[in-house]
Protein backbone atom coordinates (compact mmCIF):
# COMPACT_ATOMS: atom_id res chain seq x y z
CA MET A 1 -54.72 4.16 326.42
CA ASP A 2 -56.00 0.15 326.17
CA CYS A 3 -52.64 -0.72 324.12
CA ARG A 4 -54.60 -4.31 322.72
CA ALA A 5 -55.68 -1.43 319.66
CA LEU A 6 -52.14 -1.42 318.86
CA TYR A 7 -51.25 -4.76 318.19
CA ALA A 8 -53.30 -7.37 319.56
CA THR A 9 -57.14 -5.99 317.84
CA PRO A 10 -57.73 -4.24 314.74
CA ALA A 11 -59.66 -1.79 316.26
CA LEU A 12 -58.12 1.01 318.49
CA SER A 13 -59.31 2.43 321.58
CA LEU A 14 -57.77 5.19 324.80
CA ALA A 15 -57.53 6.07 327.84
CA ILE A 16 -59.91 8.54 326.88
CA GLY A 17 -62.34 6.15 327.19
CA SER A 18 -62.21 5.18 330.24
CA ALA A 19 -61.62 8.82 331.42
CA LEU A 20 -64.60 9.45 329.95
CA MET A 21 -66.38 7.75 332.94
CA LEU A 22 -68.11 9.56 335.48
CA ALA A 23 -66.47 7.49 337.93
CA SER A 24 -63.21 9.41 339.25
CA PRO A 25 -59.61 7.97 340.06
CA ALA A 26 -59.50 6.93 343.78
CA HIS A 27 -56.38 8.92 345.66
CA GLY A 28 -54.69 7.20 347.85
CA ALA A 29 -51.52 8.72 349.96
CA VAL A 30 -47.80 8.94 349.09
CA GLU A 31 -45.90 8.71 352.55
CA LYS A 32 -42.95 10.13 351.02
CA ALA A 33 -44.39 12.81 349.25
CA THR A 34 -43.96 16.52 349.67
CA THR A 35 -45.13 19.51 348.29
CA ASP A 36 -43.04 22.61 347.90
CA LEU A 37 -42.23 26.09 345.72
CA ILE A 38 -41.26 25.96 342.32
CA GLU A 39 -40.90 29.07 340.14
CA GLY A 40 -43.69 30.16 343.21
CA THR A 41 -46.31 27.52 342.40
CA ARG A 42 -46.93 24.55 344.67
CA LEU A 43 -46.09 21.17 343.48
CA GLU A 44 -46.39 17.81 344.59
CA SER A 45 -43.30 15.51 344.19
CA LEU A 46 -41.87 12.40 345.33
CA VAL A 47 -38.25 11.90 345.64
CA ILE A 48 -36.12 8.63 346.71
CA ARG A 49 -32.47 8.95 346.22
CA GLN A 50 -30.18 5.82 346.00
CA PRO A 51 -26.75 7.22 346.16
CA ALA A 52 -25.38 3.63 345.26
CA SER A 53 -26.79 3.87 341.93
CA LYS A 54 -26.40 5.92 338.50
CA ALA A 55 -30.22 4.92 337.09
CA VAL A 56 -32.61 7.65 337.73
CA VAL A 57 -36.63 6.74 336.84
CA VAL A 58 -38.71 9.56 336.27
CA PHE A 59 -42.52 8.41 336.25
CA GLU A 60 -45.09 11.06 334.06
CA ASN A 61 -48.80 10.18 335.31
CA GLY A 62 -51.43 9.45 332.69
CA SER A 63 -54.83 11.69 332.28
CA ARG A 64 -56.64 12.11 335.33
CA VAL A 65 -53.99 9.58 337.49
CA THR A 66 -51.99 10.98 340.59
CA LEU A 67 -48.22 9.67 341.69
CA ASP A 68 -49.58 7.96 344.24
CA LYS A 69 -50.58 4.92 341.80
CA TRP A 70 -47.15 4.30 340.91
CA ASP A 71 -46.66 3.13 345.03
CA LYS A 72 -45.84 -0.52 344.20
CA VAL A 73 -43.86 0.21 341.28
CA ILE A 74 -41.61 2.63 343.55
CA GLU A 75 -41.59 0.58 346.52
CA ALA A 76 -40.02 -2.37 343.75
CA VAL A 77 -37.76 -0.17 342.05
CA SER A 78 -36.31 2.95 344.75
CA PRO A 79 -33.89 -0.51 345.88
CA GLU A 80 -32.23 -0.42 342.73
CA ALA A 81 -32.47 3.49 341.70
CA THR A 82 -32.87 7.34 342.55
CA VAL A 83 -37.04 7.43 341.33
CA PHE A 84 -39.09 10.48 340.65
CA ALA A 85 -42.60 10.66 340.57
CA TYR A 86 -45.18 13.84 340.26
CA ASN A 87 -48.76 15.94 339.80
CA ARG A 88 -48.73 17.87 336.89
CA SER A 89 -49.59 21.30 337.49
CA GLY A 90 -53.69 20.98 338.68
CA TYR A 91 -53.34 17.18 339.81
CA GLY A 92 -53.44 16.49 343.78
CA LYS A 93 -51.90 19.27 345.78
CA SER A 94 -50.22 20.87 342.13
CA GLU A 95 -51.32 24.02 341.85
CA ALA A 96 -52.89 24.97 338.49
CA THR A 97 -51.11 27.54 336.52
CA ASP A 98 -52.03 29.52 333.46
CA ALA A 99 -49.90 27.98 331.00
CA THR A 100 -50.45 26.04 328.31
CA ARG A 101 -51.24 21.96 328.68
CA ASP A 102 -50.05 21.23 325.61
CA GLY A 103 -46.73 18.33 325.37
CA ASP A 104 -44.08 20.92 325.13
CA THR A 105 -44.78 23.04 327.61
CA ILE A 106 -45.88 20.13 330.07
CA VAL A 107 -41.91 18.08 328.86
CA GLU A 108 -39.98 21.66 329.17
CA GLN A 109 -41.35 21.92 333.54
CA LEU A 110 -40.57 18.58 333.71
CA ARG A 111 -36.85 18.94 333.04
CA GLU A 112 -36.73 21.94 335.02
CA ILE A 113 -38.58 20.51 337.84
CA LEU A 114 -36.01 17.66 337.80
CA LYS A 115 -33.08 20.21 337.41
CA ARG A 116 -34.34 22.12 340.32
CA LYS A 117 -34.74 18.76 342.61
CA GLY A 118 -30.72 18.22 341.96
CA LEU A 119 -31.49 14.65 339.28
CA GLN A 120 -29.15 14.79 336.50
CA PRO A 121 -29.65 13.21 332.97
CA PRO A 122 -29.92 10.81 331.51
CA TYR A 123 -32.62 9.65 332.79
CA ILE A 124 -34.71 6.11 332.49
CA LEU A 125 -38.85 7.69 331.34
CA VAL A 126 -41.91 6.03 332.53
CA GLY A 127 -44.86 7.02 330.85
CA HIS A 128 -48.41 5.57 331.62
CA SER A 129 -51.06 6.55 329.38
CA LEU A 130 -50.78 10.43 328.11
CA GLY A 131 -47.82 10.08 330.31
CA GLY A 132 -46.34 8.15 327.30
CA LEU A 133 -47.45 11.01 324.58
CA TYR A 134 -44.80 13.48 326.54
CA VAL A 135 -42.40 11.01 327.70
CA GLN A 136 -41.84 10.07 324.06
CA LEU A 137 -41.68 13.86 323.15
CA PHE A 138 -39.31 14.20 326.41
CA ALA A 139 -36.90 11.28 324.65
CA ARG A 140 -37.32 12.91 320.98
CA ARG A 141 -36.87 16.54 321.94
CA HIS A 142 -33.86 15.80 324.30
CA PRO A 143 -32.37 12.67 323.53
CA GLU A 144 -29.10 13.76 325.23
CA GLU A 145 -31.07 13.23 328.45
CA VAL A 146 -32.43 10.34 327.99
CA GLN A 147 -31.63 6.84 328.97
CA GLY A 148 -34.49 4.38 328.33
CA ILE A 149 -37.92 4.55 327.70
CA VAL A 150 -41.00 2.29 329.52
CA LEU A 151 -44.21 2.90 327.88
CA VAL A 152 -46.81 1.59 330.25
CA ASP A 153 -49.97 1.27 327.99
CA ALA A 154 -49.23 4.48 326.27
CA LEU A 155 -51.24 7.07 323.70
CA PHE A 156 -49.14 6.92 320.75
CA PRO A 157 -49.91 9.85 317.73
CA ARG A 158 -52.60 10.44 316.13
CA VAL A 159 -55.15 7.96 318.07
CA VAL A 160 -57.10 10.76 318.98
CA LYS A 161 -58.54 12.21 317.06
CA LYS A 162 -58.79 16.38 316.86
CA THR A 163 -61.52 16.84 319.84
CA GLU A 164 -63.38 19.64 317.17
CA ASP A 165 -64.03 15.54 315.57
CA PHE A 166 -65.06 14.38 318.71
CA PRO A 167 -68.73 13.18 318.08
CA TRP A 168 -70.91 16.22 320.02
CA ALA A 169 -72.30 14.09 322.62
CA THR A 170 -68.28 13.25 323.52
CA GLN A 171 -67.41 16.91 322.91
CA VAL A 172 -70.36 18.37 326.27
CA ALA A 173 -68.84 14.86 328.40
CA LYS A 174 -65.27 16.52 328.35
CA LYS A 175 -66.54 19.64 329.23
CA ILE A 176 -69.06 19.20 331.99
CA VAL A 177 -66.98 16.22 333.22
CA PHE A 178 -63.29 17.22 333.32
CA SER A 179 -61.63 19.90 335.18
CA SER A 180 -60.07 22.56 333.03
CA VAL A 181 -56.71 21.33 333.53
CA VAL A 182 -57.55 17.94 332.05
CA SER A 183 -59.77 18.94 329.23
CA GLN A 184 -57.18 21.45 328.04
CA GLU A 185 -54.47 18.55 328.11
CA ILE A 186 -56.80 15.92 326.02
CA ASP A 187 -57.91 19.52 323.63
CA ASN A 188 -53.90 19.42 323.45
CA ILE A 189 -53.40 15.93 322.65
CA TYR A 190 -53.57 15.62 319.00
CA ASP A 191 -50.90 18.16 318.52
CA THR A 192 -48.63 16.66 321.13
CA GLY A 193 -48.24 13.30 319.05
CA GLU A 194 -47.85 15.95 315.66
CA ALA A 195 -44.89 17.44 317.31
CA VAL A 196 -43.69 14.04 318.46
CA LEU A 197 -43.83 12.97 315.06
CA ALA A 198 -42.29 16.05 313.55
CA ALA A 199 -38.90 15.67 315.88
CA PRO A 200 -36.36 13.42 315.25
CA GLY A 201 -36.24 9.51 315.81
CA ILE A 202 -35.77 7.51 318.93
CA ASP A 203 -35.19 4.30 317.75
CA ASP A 204 -31.46 4.30 319.32
CA LYS A 205 -33.40 4.60 322.13
CA PRO A 206 -33.90 1.34 324.97
CA MET A 207 -37.57 0.83 324.96
CA VAL A 208 -40.02 -1.26 326.67
CA VAL A 209 -43.62 -1.01 325.47
CA LEU A 210 -46.49 -3.21 327.83
CA ILE A 211 -49.61 -3.53 326.08
CA ASN A 212 -52.48 -4.09 328.05
CA LYS A 213 -55.04 -6.85 326.70
CA PRO A 214 -57.03 -8.23 328.70
CA THR A 215 -57.98 -11.79 328.13
CA SER A 216 -62.20 -11.49 329.58
CA ALA A 217 -65.06 -11.40 327.80
CA THR A 218 -66.42 -8.70 329.77
CA ALA A 219 -63.84 -6.43 328.61
CA LEU A 220 -64.98 -4.60 325.58
CA PRO A 221 -62.82 -1.58 324.30
CA VAL A 222 -64.71 1.69 324.51
CA ASP A 223 -63.56 5.05 322.58
CA PHE A 224 -66.53 7.01 322.16
CA GLY A 225 -65.77 8.24 318.99
CA ALA A 226 -62.49 9.81 319.83
CA ILE A 227 -59.93 7.35 318.26
CA ASP A 228 -59.07 7.22 314.26
CA ASN A 229 -59.48 3.24 314.00
CA THR A 230 -59.29 3.76 310.15
CA PRO A 231 -56.98 0.89 308.75
CA GLU A 232 -54.78 3.44 307.69
CA ASN A 233 -53.89 5.25 311.11
CA VAL A 234 -54.00 1.49 312.56
CA ALA A 235 -50.77 0.22 310.14
CA PHE A 236 -49.07 3.41 310.79
CA VAL A 237 -49.55 3.52 314.54
CA ARG A 238 -48.25 -0.34 314.81
CA LYS A 239 -44.92 0.91 313.00
CA LEU A 240 -44.19 3.27 315.29
CA TYR A 241 -40.51 1.89 317.41
CA PRO A 242 -39.89 -0.80 315.12
CA LYS A 243 -37.06 -2.04 317.57
CA ALA A 244 -38.77 -1.69 320.83
CA LYS A 245 -39.88 -5.08 322.73
CA LYS A 246 -43.42 -5.32 323.23
CA ILE A 247 -44.78 -7.16 326.43
CA VAL A 248 -48.66 -7.65 326.12
CA VAL A 249 -49.96 -7.72 329.83
CA ASP A 250 -53.36 -9.45 330.73
CA SER A 251 -54.29 -6.59 332.42
CA ASP A 252 -56.49 -3.57 332.40
CA HIS A 253 -55.58 0.44 331.35
CA GLN A 254 -53.84 1.06 335.03
CA MET A 255 -51.40 -1.73 335.00
CA GLN A 256 -49.85 0.40 337.28
CA THR A 257 -52.19 -0.64 339.92
CA ALA A 258 -53.27 -4.12 338.56
CA ASN A 259 -49.88 -5.62 337.94
CA PRO A 260 -46.95 -3.56 339.23
CA GLU A 261 -44.60 -6.05 339.30
CA VAL A 262 -44.80 -6.11 335.97
CA ILE A 263 -44.08 -2.51 335.24
CA ALA A 264 -40.99 -2.72 338.13
CA ALA A 265 -39.81 -5.81 336.38
CA ALA A 266 -39.67 -3.82 333.41
CA ILE A 267 -38.14 -0.87 335.04
CA LYS A 268 -35.33 -3.17 336.61
CA ASP A 269 -34.01 -4.76 333.33
CA MET A 270 -34.00 -1.42 331.51
CA ILE A 271 -32.10 -0.53 334.95
CA ARG A 272 -29.62 -3.20 334.73
CA THR A 273 -29.60 -2.93 330.72
CA THR A 274 -28.55 0.57 330.02
CA ALA A 275 -26.18 0.27 332.87
CA ALA A 276 -24.12 -2.58 331.32
CA ALA A 277 -24.41 -0.54 328.01
CA ALA A 278 -22.49 2.47 329.63
CA ALA A 279 -19.95 0.14 330.84
CA ALA A 280 -19.29 -1.46 327.88
CA ARG A 281 -18.70 2.23 326.08
CA THR A 282 -16.45 3.23 328.80
CA THR A 283 -14.42 0.04 329.03
CA ALA A 284 -14.48 0.55 324.90
CA ALA A 285 -13.33 4.05 324.87
CA ALA A 286 -10.70 3.57 327.41
CA ALA A 287 -9.52 0.72 325.36
CA ASN A 288 -9.09 3.73 322.29
CA PRO A 289 -9.21 7.22 323.60
CA GLY A 290 -7.63 8.05 320.57
CA LYS A 291 -11.05 7.14 318.48
């Protein structure tokens, strides 16, 4: 999603805008990615372990995006943390399943995969676009498993309309252009957002929101009528996560390839900040063992 809509301009726009373009995302190669079986289903993932660090950084992809797009970010972050990236069911070499492609299912599948990989919480969750919405749900459902959150031009609740409220042409294009997996994920965006809002808040969690705001005169937001850009909804979305640190970036929606250094810097800052906070809590507990 193009987050300039939320914090910088009067109109909302979204990843679904670029997603509804006919061009497919380019696919690079992740040399260290592996494909193995998780509960009998092929899953493509990448794990780089850093035993010297307690931090575990988990990457969640946007719609139609594969794990290789994080390459440069992972290269910069992996010396300081264990990292995990993967392709959801139906993406890359990960096998599609019959499971519902809603936020709750995706979050629980991710938790099971992390468990199978031996990666213990708490995690620093990094989510791009639609993956940012899944990350928000993960953090709200399981706050005890989350150390910090980095949202990369993320999607937020109620930005996207219910698919039945999309213009007719957009509904047709969605069915023609997208795979069934991607189409199902889009169909479930609104309900996933409502699940996020229904869960307890996470204002106590360290959060960085990276906002895409291109400065080029030709950078125009496109939403294909899928966005709820009423003034009331714009105001509602802007009030979400008031304590989050917001960083505006001159980029495009694929910030992890256009400006990977910005994302890496935000993650490394989160690693250090949360580590310092954890150390302070440990020191305080040791000084006051009865409390």
